[in-house]
PDB file of N, CA and C in Angstrom:
ATOM      1  N   MET A   1     -14.218  10.186  12.092  1.00  0.00           N
ATOM      2  CA  MET A   1     -12.863   9.270  11.936  1.00  0.00           C
ATOM      3  C   MET A   1     -12.081  10.147  11.354  1.00  0.00           C
ATOM      4  N   ARG A   2     -10.784  10.431  12.117  1.00  0.00           N
ATOM      5  CA  ARG A   2      -9.747  11.141  11.305  1.00  0.00           C
ATOM      6  C   ARG A   2      -8.243  10.084  11.128  1.00  0.00           C
ATOM      7  N   GLN A   3      -7.462  10.307  10.305  1.00  0.00           N
ATOM      8  CA  GLN A   3      -6.222   9.359  10.241  1.00  0.00           C
ATOM      9  C   GLN A   3      -4.930  10.467   9.702  1.00  0.00           C
ATOM     10  N   GLY A   4      -3.783  10.103  10.108  1.00  0.00           N
ATOM     11  CA  GLY A   4      -2.605  10.879   9.943  1.00  0.00           C
ATOM     12  C   GLY A   4      -1.619   9.492   9.640  1.00  0.00           C
ATOM     13  N   GLU A   5      -1.034   9.617   8.527  1.00  0.00           N
ATOM     14  CA  GLU A   5       0.210   8.926   8.312  1.00  0.00           C
ATOM     15  C   GLU A   5       1.427   9.434   8.941  1.00  0.00           C
ATOM     16  N   ILE A   6       1.962   8.305   9.856  1.00  0.00           N
ATOM     17  CA  ILE A   6       3.033   8.589  10.321  1.00  0.00           C
ATOM     18  C   ILE A   6       4.199   8.367  10.035  1.00  0.00           C
ATOM     19  N   TRP A   7       4.970   9.288   9.602  1.00  0.00           N
ATOM     20  CA  TRP A   7       6.457   8.969   8.759  1.00  0.00           C
ATOM     21  C   TRP A   7       7.466   8.984   9.762  1.00  0.00           C
ATOM     22  N   VAL A   8       8.801   7.925   9.667  1.00  0.00           N
ATOM     23  CA  VAL A   8      10.038   8.127   9.991  1.00  0.00           C
ATOM     24  C   VAL A   8      11.105   7.981   9.197  1.00  0.00           C
ATOM     25  N   HIS A   9      11.875   9.104   8.995  1.00  0.00           N
ATOM     26  CA  HIS A   9      12.946   9.131   8.117  1.00  0.00           C
ATOM     27  C   HIS A   9      12.746   9.074   6.720  1.00  0.00           C
ATOM     28  N   ASN A  10      11.500  10.068   6.509  1.00  0.00           N
ATOM     29  CA  ASN A  10      10.756   9.973   5.037  1.00  0.00           C
ATOM     30  C   ASN A  10      10.359   8.614   4.698  1.00  0.00           C
ATOM     31  N   GLN A  11      10.095   7.910   5.592  1.00  0.00           N
ATOM     32  CA  GLN A  11       9.191   6.688   5.324  1.00  0.00           C
ATOM     33  C   GLN A  11       7.836   6.468   5.973  1.00  0.00           C
ATOM     34  N   LYS A  12       7.047   5.951   4.939  1.00  0.00           N
ATOM     35  CA  LYS A  12       5.704   5.519   5.983  1.00  0.00           C
ATOM     36  C   LYS A  12       5.771   4.496   6.641  1.00  0.00           C
ATOM     37  N   ALA A  13       5.768   4.711   8.064  1.00  0.00           N
ATOM     38  CA  ALA A  13       5.668   4.146   9.124  1.00  0.00           C
ATOM     39  C   ALA A  13       4.474   3.268   9.427  1.00  0.00           C
ATOM     40  N   GLY A  14       3.134   4.095   9.360  1.00  0.00           N
ATOM     41  CA  GLY A  14       2.366   3.843  10.247  1.00  0.00           C
ATOM     42  C   GLY A  14       1.171   4.484  10.166  1.00  0.00           C
ATOM     43  N   MET A  15       0.037   4.384  10.801  1.00  0.00           N
ATOM     44  CA  MET A  15      -1.352   5.205  10.588  1.00  0.00           C
ATOM     45  C   MET A  15      -1.721   5.279  12.051  1.00  0.00           C
ATOM     46  N   LEU A  16      -1.926   6.784  12.077  1.00  0.00           N
ATOM     47  CA  LEU A  16      -2.752   6.929  13.622  1.00  0.00           C
ATOM     48  C   LEU A  16      -4.261   7.308  13.296  1.00  0.00           C
ATOM     49  N   THR A  17      -4.810   6.591  14.098  1.00  0.00           N
ATOM     50  CA  THR A  17      -6.187   6.869  13.650  1.00  0.00           C
ATOM     51  C   THR A  17      -7.368   7.299  14.869  1.00  0.00           C
ATOM     52  N   GLU A  18      -8.186   8.501  14.807  1.00  0.00           N
ATOM     53  CA  GLU A  18      -9.164   8.678  15.879  1.00  0.00           C
ATOM     54  C   GLU A  18     -10.639   8.379  15.471  1.00  0.00           C
ATOM     55  N   ASN A  19     -11.210   7.607  16.479  1.00  0.00           N
ATOM     56  CA  ASN A  19     -12.338   7.509  16.196  1.00  0.00           C
ATOM     57  C   ASN A  19     -12.940   7.509  17.606  1.00  0.00           C
ATOM     58  N   ASP A  20     -14.373   7.021  17.709  1.00  0.00           N
ATOM     59  CA  ASP A  20     -15.199   7.456  18.791  1.00  0.00           C
ATOM     60  C   ASP A  20     -14.825   6.935  19.941  1.00  0.00           C
ATOM     61  N   GLU A  21     -13.935   5.907  20.125  1.00  0.00           N
ATOM     62  CA  GLU A  21     -13.525   5.229  20.985  1.00  0.00           C
ATOM     63  C   GLU A  21     -12.438   5.627  21.409  1.00  0.00           C
ATOM     64  N   GLY A  22     -11.394   6.358  20.558  1.00  0.00           N
ATOM     65  CA  GLY A  22     -10.526   6.581  21.232  1.00  0.00           C
ATOM     66  C   GLY A  22      -9.295   6.680  20.005  1.00  0.00           C
ATOM     67  N   TYR A  23      -7.998   6.357  20.192  1.00  0.00           N
ATOM     68  CA  TYR A  23      -6.869   6.412  19.006  1.00  0.00           C
ATOM     69  C   TYR A  23      -6.317   5.160  18.939  1.00  0.00           C
ATOM     70  N   ILE A  24      -5.665   4.932  17.738  1.00  0.00           N
ATOM     71  CA  ILE A  24      -4.988   3.379  17.514  1.00  0.00           C
ATOM     72  C   ILE A  24      -4.078   4.040  16.299  1.00  0.00           C
ATOM     73  N   PHE A  25      -2.718   3.063  16.933  1.00  0.00           N
ATOM     74  CA  PHE A  25      -1.831   3.478  16.149  1.00  0.00           C
ATOM     75  C   PHE A  25      -1.245   1.907  15.799  1.00  0.00           C
ATOM     76  N   GLN A  26      -1.155   1.931  14.233  1.00  0.00           N
ATOM     77  CA  GLN A  26      -0.963   0.546  13.605  1.00  0.00           C
ATOM     78  C   GLN A  26       0.672   0.747  12.870  1.00  0.00           C
ATOM     79  N   TYR A  27       1.327  -0.296  13.004  1.00  0.00           N
ATOM     80  CA  TYR A  27       2.580   0.085  11.737  1.00  0.00           C
ATOM     81  C   TYR A  27       2.475  -0.612  10.787  1.00  0.00           C
ATOM     82  N   ASP A  28       2.670  -0.351   9.632  1.00  0.00           N
ATOM     83  CA  ASP A  28       2.194  -0.126   8.303  1.00  0.00           C
ATOM     84  C   ASP A  28       3.092  -1.804   8.010  1.00  0.00           C
ATOM     85  N   LYS A  29       2.720  -2.864   7.406  1.00  0.00           N
ATOM     86  CA  LYS A  29       3.249  -3.822   7.101  1.00  0.00           C
ATOM     87  C   LYS A  29       4.584  -4.131   6.600  1.00  0.00           C
ATOM     88  N   THR A  30       4.420  -3.087   5.323  1.00  0.00           N
ATOM     89  CA  THR A  30       5.477  -2.786   4.358  1.00  0.00           C
ATOM     90  C   THR A  30       6.686  -2.162   5.099  1.00  0.00           C
ATOM     91  N   TYR A  31       6.527  -1.338   6.130  1.00  0.00           N
ATOM     92  CA  TYR A  31       7.565  -0.624   6.922  1.00  0.00           C
ATOM     93  C   TYR A  31       7.904  -2.079   7.984  1.00  0.00           C
ATOM     94  N   LEU A  32       7.360  -2.596   8.679  1.00  0.00           N
ATOM     95  CA  LEU A  32       7.426  -3.776   9.330  1.00  0.00           C
ATOM     96  C   LEU A  32       8.765  -4.478   8.621  1.00  0.00           C
ATOM     97  N   SER A  33       8.644  -4.785   7.344  1.00  0.00           N
ATOM     98  CA  SER A  33       9.393  -5.693   6.480  1.00  0.00           C
ATOM     99  C   SER A  33      10.590  -4.962   6.225  1.00  0.00           C
ATOM    100  N   LEU A  34      10.896  -3.582   6.591  1.00  0.00           N
ATOM    101  CA  LEU A  34      12.309  -2.966   5.933  1.00  0.00           C
ATOM    102  C   LEU A  34      13.418  -3.548   7.049  1.00  0.00           C
ATOM    103  N   GLU A  35      14.284  -3.410   6.621  1.00  0.00           N
ATOM    104  CA  GLU A  35      15.681  -3.971   7.644  1.00  0.00           C
ATOM    105  C   GLU A  35      15.797  -3.132   8.166  1.00  0.00           C
ATOM    106  N   ASN A  36      15.893  -1.782   7.694  1.00  0.00           N
ATOM    107  CA  ASN A  36      16.527  -0.406   8.883  1.00  0.00           C
ATOM    108  C   ASN A  36      15.133   0.034   9.442  1.00  0.00           C
ATOM    109  N   ALA A  37      14.212  -0.759   9.672  1.00  0.00           N
ATOM    110  CA  ALA A  37      13.045  -0.222  10.202  1.00  0.00           C
ATOM    111  C   ALA A  37      13.343   0.142  11.706  1.00  0.00           C
ATOM    112  N   THR A  38      13.193   1.444  12.241  1.00  0.00           N
ATOM    113  CA  THR A  38      13.250   1.819  13.538  1.00  0.00           C
ATOM    114  C   THR A  38      12.030   2.204  13.971  1.00  0.00           C
ATOM    115  N   PRO A  39      11.767   1.662  15.424  1.00  0.00           N
ATOM    116  CA  PRO A  39      10.588   2.148  15.890  1.00  0.00           C
ATOM    117  C   PRO A  39      10.049   3.669  15.911  1.00  0.00           C
ATOM    118  N   VAL A  40       8.890   3.892  16.052  1.00  0.00           N
ATOM    119  CA  VAL A  40       8.370   5.528  16.062  1.00  0.00           C
ATOM    120  C   VAL A  40       8.774   6.163  17.595  1.00  0.00           C
ATOM    121  N   SER A  41       8.901   5.366  18.321  1.00  0.00           N
ATOM    122  CA  SER A  41       9.437   5.859  19.673  1.00  0.00           C
ATOM    123  C   SER A  41       9.650   4.586  20.392  1.00  0.00           C
ATOM    124  N   LEU A  42      10.015   4.728  21.747  1.00  0.00           N
ATOM    125  CA  LEU A  42      10.561   3.905  22.758  1.00  0.00           C
ATOM    126  C   LEU A  42       9.121   2.942  22.895  1.00  0.00           C
ATOM    127  N   THR A  43       8.191   3.981  23.164  1.00  0.00           N
ATOM    128  CA  THR A  43       7.049   3.376  23.536  1.00  0.00           C
ATOM    129  C   THR A  43       6.022   2.682  22.388  1.00  0.00           C
ATOM    130  N   PHE A  44       6.316   2.656  21.138  1.00  0.00           N
ATOM    131  CA  PHE A  44       5.887   2.147  20.596  1.00  0.00           C
ATOM    132  C   PHE A  44       6.963   1.090  19.552  1.00  0.00           C
ATOM    133  N   PRO A  45       7.411   0.029  20.174  1.00  0.00           N
ATOM    134  CA  PRO A  45       8.162  -1.022  19.576  1.00  0.00           C
ATOM    135  C   PRO A  45       7.483  -1.629  18.456  1.00  0.00           C
ATOM    136  N   LEU A  46       8.517  -1.989  17.302  1.00  0.00           N
ATOM    137  CA  LEU A  46       8.056  -2.467  16.554  1.00  0.00           C
ATOM    138  C   LEU A  46       7.050  -3.748  16.450  1.00  0.00           C
ATOM    139  N   GLN A  47       6.126  -3.977  16.238  1.00  0.00           N
ATOM    140  CA  GLN A  47       5.003  -4.978  16.223  1.00  0.00           C
ATOM    141  C   GLN A  47       3.813  -4.721  15.409  1.00  0.00           C
ATOM    142  N   GLU A  48       3.355  -6.355  14.761  1.00  0.00           N
ATOM    143  CA  GLU A  48       2.101  -6.309  14.107  1.00  0.00           C
ATOM    144  C   GLU A  48       0.857  -5.957  14.760  1.00  0.00           C
ATOM    145  N   THR A  49       0.410  -5.922  16.125  1.00  0.00           N
ATOM    146  CA  THR A  49      -0.627  -5.270  16.743  1.00  0.00           C
ATOM    147  C   THR A  49      -0.594  -4.284  17.167  1.00  0.00           C
ATOM    148  N   SER A  50      -2.194  -3.497  16.621  1.00  0.00           N
ATOM    149  CA  SER A  50      -2.100  -2.371  17.235  1.00  0.00           C
ATOM    150  C   SER A  50      -1.964  -1.832  18.416  1.00  0.00           C
ATOM    151  N   PHE A  51      -1.831  -0.524  18.273  1.00  0.00           N
ATOM    152  CA  PHE A  51      -1.653   0.282  19.869  1.00  0.00           C
ATOM    153  C   PHE A  51      -3.000   0.905  20.140  1.00  0.00           C
ATOM    154  N   ILE A  52      -3.442   0.792  21.468  1.00  0.00           N
ATOM    155  CA  ILE A  52      -4.942   1.348  21.339  1.00  0.00           C
ATOM    156  C   ILE A  52      -5.108   2.152  23.010  1.00  0.00           C
ATOM    157  N   SER A  53      -5.401   3.626  22.806  1.00  0.00           N
ATOM    158  CA  SER A  53      -5.757   4.137  23.518  1.00  0.00           C
ATOM    159  C   SER A  53      -6.849   5.227  23.641  1.00  0.00           C
ATOM    160  N   GLU A  54      -7.449   5.288  24.966  1.00  0.00           N
ATOM    161  CA  GLU A  54      -8.650   6.382  24.811  1.00  0.00           C
ATOM    162  C   GLU A  54      -8.076   7.936  24.735  1.00  0.00           C
ATOM    163  N   ASN A  55      -6.839   8.497  25.105  1.00  0.00           N
ATOM    164  CA  ASN A  55      -6.908   9.414  24.914  1.00  0.00           C
ATOM    165  C   ASN A  55      -5.473   9.507  23.935  1.00  0.00           C
ATOM    166  N   LEU A  56      -5.149  10.477  23.317  1.00  0.00           N
ATOM    167  CA  LEU A  56      -4.044  10.750  21.993  1.00  0.00           C
ATOM    168  C   LEU A  56      -2.720   9.822  23.104  1.00  0.00           C
ATOM    169  N   PHE A  57      -2.013   9.351  22.466  1.00  0.00           N
ATOM    170  CA  PHE A  57      -0.906   8.891  22.966  1.00  0.00           C
ATOM    171  C   PHE A  57       0.147   9.880  23.401  1.00  0.00           C
ATOM    172  N   PRO A  58       0.914   9.816  24.541  1.00  0.00           N
ATOM    173  CA  PRO A  58       1.738  11.220  25.054  1.00  0.00           C
ATOM    174  C   PRO A  58       2.570  11.293  24.022  1.00  0.00           C
ATOM    175  N   PHE A  59       3.578  10.122  23.413  1.00  0.00           N
ATOM    176  CA  PHE A  59       4.523  10.284  22.411  1.00  0.00           C
ATOM    177  C   PHE A  59       3.897  11.597  21.415  1.00  0.00           C
ATOM    178  N   PHE A  60       2.729  11.023  20.329  1.00  0.00           N
ATOM    179  CA  PHE A  60       2.377  12.099  19.599  1.00  0.00           C
ATOM    180  C   PHE A  60       1.663  13.445  19.828  1.00  0.00           C
ATOM    181  N   ASP A  61       1.093  13.370  21.415  1.00  0.00           N
ATOM    182  CA  ASP A  61       0.692  14.607  22.072  1.00  0.00           C
ATOM    183  C   ASP A  61       2.144  15.646  22.093  1.00  0.00           C
ATOM    184  N   GLY A  62       3.307  14.921  22.382  1.00  0.00           N
ATOM    185  CA  GLY A  62       4.430  15.587  22.565  1.00  0.00           C
ATOM    186  C   GLY A  62       4.874  16.568  21.161  1.00  0.00           C
ATOM    187  N   LEU A  63       4.358  16.019  20.389  1.00  0.00           N
ATOM    188  CA  LEU A  63       4.922  16.629  19.235  1.00  0.00           C
ATOM    189  C   LEU A  63       4.368  17.865  18.676  1.00  0.00           C
ATOM    190  N   ILE A  64       3.471  18.345  19.255  1.00  0.00           N
ATOM    191  CA  ILE A  64       2.295  19.587  19.228  1.00  0.00           C
ATOM    192  C   ILE A  64       2.891  20.597  19.711  1.00  0.00           C
ATOM    193  N   PRO A  65       3.249  21.708  19.300  1.00  0.00           N
ATOM    194  CA  PRO A  65       3.852  22.624  19.572  1.00  0.00           C
ATOM    195  C   PRO A  65       3.342  23.404  21.056  1.00  0.00           C
ATOM    196  N   GLU A  66       3.892  24.310  21.689  1.00  0.00           N
ATOM    197  CA  GLU A  66       3.402  24.431  22.894  1.00  0.00           C
ATOM    198  C   GLU A  66       3.932  26.140  22.746  1.00  0.00           C
ATOM    199  N   GLY A  67       3.634  26.869  23.856  1.00  0.00           N
ATOM    200  CA  GLY A  67       3.918  28.214  24.056  1.00  0.00           C
ATOM    201  C   GLY A  67       2.993  29.293  22.955  1.00  0.00           C
ATOM    202  N   TRP A  68       4.134  30.479  22.653  1.00  0.00           N
ATOM    203  CA  TRP A  68       3.740  31.031  21.536  1.00  0.00           C
ATOM    204  C   TRP A  68       3.880  30.661  20.397  1.00  0.00           C
ATOM    205  N   LEU A  69       4.455  29.244  20.158  1.00  0.00           N
ATOM    206  CA  LEU A  69       4.301  28.677  18.978  1.00  0.00           C
ATOM    207  C   LEU A  69       2.517  28.248  18.768  1.00  0.00           C
ATOM    208  N   LEU A  70       2.472  27.355  19.932  1.00  0.00           N
ATOM    209  CA  LEU A  70       1.020  27.040  19.639  1.00  0.00           C
ATOM    210  C   LEU A  70       0.145  28.347  19.637  1.00  0.00           C
ATOM    211  N   ASP A  71       0.386  29.281  20.256  1.00  0.00           N
ATOM    212  CA  ASP A  71      -0.872  30.242  20.004  1.00  0.00           C
ATOM    213  C   ASP A  71      -0.968  30.582  18.683  1.00  0.00           C
ATOM    214  N   ILE A  72       0.243  30.718  17.732  1.00  0.00           N
ATOM    215  CA  ILE A  72       0.374  31.527  16.702  1.00  0.00           C
ATOM    216  C   ILE A  72      -0.482  30.442  15.549  1.00  0.00           C
ATOM    217  N   ALA A  73      -0.368  29.234  16.081  1.00  0.00           N
ATOM    218  CA  ALA A  73      -0.807  28.077  15.140  1.00  0.00           C
ATOM    219  C   ALA A  73      -2.394  28.397  15.330  1.00  0.00           C
ATOM    220  N   GLN A  74      -3.004  28.394  16.700  1.00  0.00           N
ATOM    221  CA  GLN A  74      -4.129  28.444  16.906  1.00  0.00           C
ATOM    222  C   GLN A  74      -5.029  29.603  16.453  1.00  0.00           C
ATOM    223  N   LYS A  75      -4.195  30.947  16.100  1.00  0.00           N
ATOM    224  CA  LYS A  75      -4.713  32.020  15.350  1.00  0.00           C
ATOM    225  C   LYS A  75      -5.011  31.853  14.295  1.00  0.00           C
ATOM    226  N   ASN A  76      -3.338  31.457  13.468  1.00  0.00           N
ATOM    227  CA  ASN A  76      -3.323  31.557  11.882  1.00  0.00           C
ATOM    228  C   ASN A  76      -4.531  30.535  11.504  1.00  0.00           C
ATOM    229  N   TRP A  77      -4.624  29.316  12.091  1.00  0.00           N
ATOM    230  CA  TRP A  77      -5.580  28.126  11.288  1.00  0.00           C
ATOM    231  C   TRP A  77      -6.721  27.813  12.265  1.00  0.00           C
ATOM    232  N   LYS A  78      -7.015  28.799  13.125  1.00  0.00           N
ATOM    233  CA  LYS A  78      -8.159  28.645  14.222  1.00  0.00           C
ATOM    234  C   LYS A  78      -8.641  27.374  14.523  1.00  0.00           C
ATOM    235  N   LEU A  79      -7.720  26.877  15.076  1.00  0.00           N
ATOM    236  CA  LEU A  79      -7.810  25.827  15.431  1.00  0.00           C
ATOM    237  C   LEU A  79      -8.225  25.781  17.262  1.00  0.00           C
ATOM    238  N   ASN A  80      -8.914  24.666  17.412  1.00  0.00           N
ATOM    239  CA  ASN A  80      -9.159  24.596  18.920  1.00  0.00           C
ATOM    240  C   ASN A  80      -8.359  24.221  19.519  1.00  0.00           C
ATOM    241  N   PRO A  81      -7.389  24.617  20.985  1.00  0.00           N
ATOM    242  CA  PRO A  81      -6.735  23.746  21.516  1.00  0.00           C
ATOM    243  C   PRO A  81      -6.894  22.532  22.204  1.00  0.00           C
ATOM    244  N   ARG A  82      -8.260  22.300  22.434  1.00  0.00           N
ATOM    245  CA  ARG A  82      -8.501  21.180  23.078  1.00  0.00           C
ATOM    246  C   ARG A  82      -8.665  19.816  21.817  1.00  0.00           C
ATOM    247  N   ASP A  83      -8.528  20.480  20.577  1.00  0.00           N
ATOM    248  CA  ASP A  83      -8.754  19.337  19.605  1.00  0.00           C
ATOM    249  C   ASP A  83      -7.238  18.999  19.131  1.00  0.00           C
ATOM    250  N   ARG A  84      -6.887  17.929  20.229  1.00  0.00           N
ATOM    251  CA  ARG A  84      -5.485  17.747  19.836  1.00  0.00           C
ATOM    252  C   ARG A  84      -4.718  17.216  18.455  1.00  0.00           C
ATOM    253  N   MET A  85      -5.763  15.829  18.121  1.00  0.00           N
ATOM    254  CA  MET A  85      -5.543  15.455  16.699  1.00  0.00           C
ATOM    255  C   MET A  85      -5.697  16.249  15.698  1.00  0.00           C
ATOM    256  N   GLY A  86      -6.894  17.440  15.923  1.00  0.00           N
ATOM    257  CA  GLY A  86      -6.268  18.300  14.726  1.00  0.00           C
ATOM    258  C   GLY A  86      -5.158  19.478  14.982  1.00  0.00           C
ATOM    259  N   LEU A  87      -4.655  19.605  16.050  1.00  0.00           N
ATOM    260  CA  LEU A  87      -3.427  20.120  16.205  1.00  0.00           C
ATOM    261  C   LEU A  87      -2.356  19.333  15.566  1.00  0.00           C
ATOM    262  N   LEU A  88      -1.995  18.131  15.944  1.00  0.00           N
ATOM    263  CA  LEU A  88      -1.071  17.316  15.329  1.00  0.00           C
ATOM    264  C   LEU A  88      -1.342  17.123  13.610  1.00  0.00           C
ATOM    265  N   LEU A  89      -1.969  17.088  13.110  1.00  0.00           N
ATOM    266  CA  LEU A  89      -2.430  16.695  12.014  1.00  0.00           C
ATOM    267  C   LEU A  89      -1.993  18.397  11.143  1.00  0.00           C
ATOM    268  N   THR A  90      -2.668  19.186  11.876  1.00  0.00           N
ATOM    269  CA  THR A  90      -1.996  20.562  11.231  1.00  0.00           C
ATOM    270  C   THR A  90      -0.470  21.201  11.420  1.00  0.00           C
ATOM    271  N   THR A  91      -0.022  21.117  12.442  1.00  0.00           N
ATOM    272  CA  THR A  91       1.442  21.557  13.017  1.00  0.00           C
ATOM    273  C   THR A  91       2.362  20.509  12.927  1.00  0.00           C
ATOM    274  N   CYS A  92       2.184  19.510  12.701  1.00  0.00           N
ATOM    275  CA  CYS A  92       3.442  18.155  13.089  1.00  0.00           C
ATOM    276  C   CYS A  92       4.004  17.517  11.316  1.00  0.00           C
ATOM    277  N   ARG A  93       3.547  18.527  10.165  1.00  0.00           N
ATOM    278  CA  ARG A  93       4.198  17.954   8.812  1.00  0.00           C
ATOM    279  C   ARG A  93       5.457  18.038   8.869  1.00  0.00           C
ATOM    280  N   ASP A  94       6.435  19.000   9.422  1.00  0.00           N
ATOM    281  CA  ASP A  94       7.740  19.123   9.808  1.00  0.00           C
ATOM    282  C   ASP A  94       8.346  19.471  11.202  1.00  0.00           C
ATOM    283  N   CYS A  95       8.011  18.272  11.949  1.00  0.00           N
ATOM    284  CA  CYS A  95       8.393  18.371  13.274  1.00  0.00           C
ATOM    285  C   CYS A  95      10.002  18.289  13.292  1.00  0.00           C
ATOM    286  N   ILE A  96      10.560  19.176  14.603  1.00  0.00           N
ATOM    287  CA  ILE A  96      11.916  18.567  14.671  1.00  0.00           C
ATOM    288  C   ILE A  96      12.132  17.080  14.950  1.00  0.00           C
ATOM    289  N   GLY A  97      13.276  16.929  14.487  1.00  0.00           N
ATOM    290  CA  GLY A  97      13.440  14.983  14.446  1.00  0.00           C
ATOM    291  C   GLY A  97      13.410  14.286  13.081  1.00  0.00           C
ATOM    292  N   ASN A  98      12.493  12.926  13.299  1.00  0.00           N
ATOM    293  CA  ASN A  98      12.880  11.986  12.295  1.00  0.00           C
ATOM    294  C   ASN A  98      11.181  11.716  11.928  1.00  0.00           C
ATOM    295  N   ILE A  99      10.612  12.020  12.794  1.00  0.00           N
ATOM    296  CA  ILE A  99       8.963  12.125  12.542  1.00  0.00           C
ATOM    297  C   ILE A  99       8.152  12.828  11.991  1.00  0.00           C
ATOM    298  N   SER A 100       7.262  13.003  11.034  1.00  0.00           N
ATOM    299  CA  SER A 100       6.236  13.757  10.208  1.00  0.00           C
ATOM    300  C   SER A 100       4.923  13.111  10.411  1.00  0.00           C
ATOM    301  N   VAL A 101       4.261  13.875  10.323  1.00  0.00           N
ATOM    302  CA  VAL A 101       2.540  13.538  10.560  1.00  0.00           C
ATOM    303  C   VAL A 101       1.521  14.004   9.447  1.00  0.00           C
ATOM    304  N   MET A 102       1.449  12.897   8.543  1.00  0.00           N
ATOM    305  CA  MET A 102       0.768  14.041   7.313  1.00  0.00           C
ATOM    306  C   MET A 102      -0.708  13.185   7.302  1.00  0.00           C
ATOM    307  N   GLU A 103      -1.874  14.374   7.280  1.00  0.00           N
ATOM    308  CA  GLU A 103      -2.927  13.847   7.408  1.00  0.00           C
ATOM    309  C   GLU A 103      -3.588  13.258   5.962  1.00  0.00           C
ATOM    310  N   ASP A 104      -4.253  12.173   6.246  1.00  0.00           N
ATOM    311  CA  ASP A 104      -4.707  11.191   5.483  1.00  0.00           C
ATOM    312  C   ASP A 104      -6.019  11.842   4.577  1.00  0.00           C
ATOM    313  N   GLU A 105      -5.773  11.955   3.625  1.00  0.00           N
ATOM    314  CA  GLU A 105      -7.243  12.559   2.881  1.00  0.00           C
ATOM    315  C   GLU A 105      -8.157  11.518   2.433  1.00  0.00           C
TER     316      GLU A 105
END
């Protein structure tokens, strides 16, 4: 099982978990209680119940670099291009935009 903290505007918004059944995204209760809480994306409206998928959610998959930048990441960190969660956790600490993914140690 691997997990990544999902941050929005430098605030921890939730946790993305990969397990044997697939992927789970769960908003942090503290984040949901904030007056200025914004959804991670339109596909993840603010709610207490978990989002579950057999595959990595398209929004998170879309954060992973592509093309020559992905090639560089794979070579430098010796990453498997099919390990989408590993790529997300390694390359998305400082994404363009307001989302960051930090590996939960």
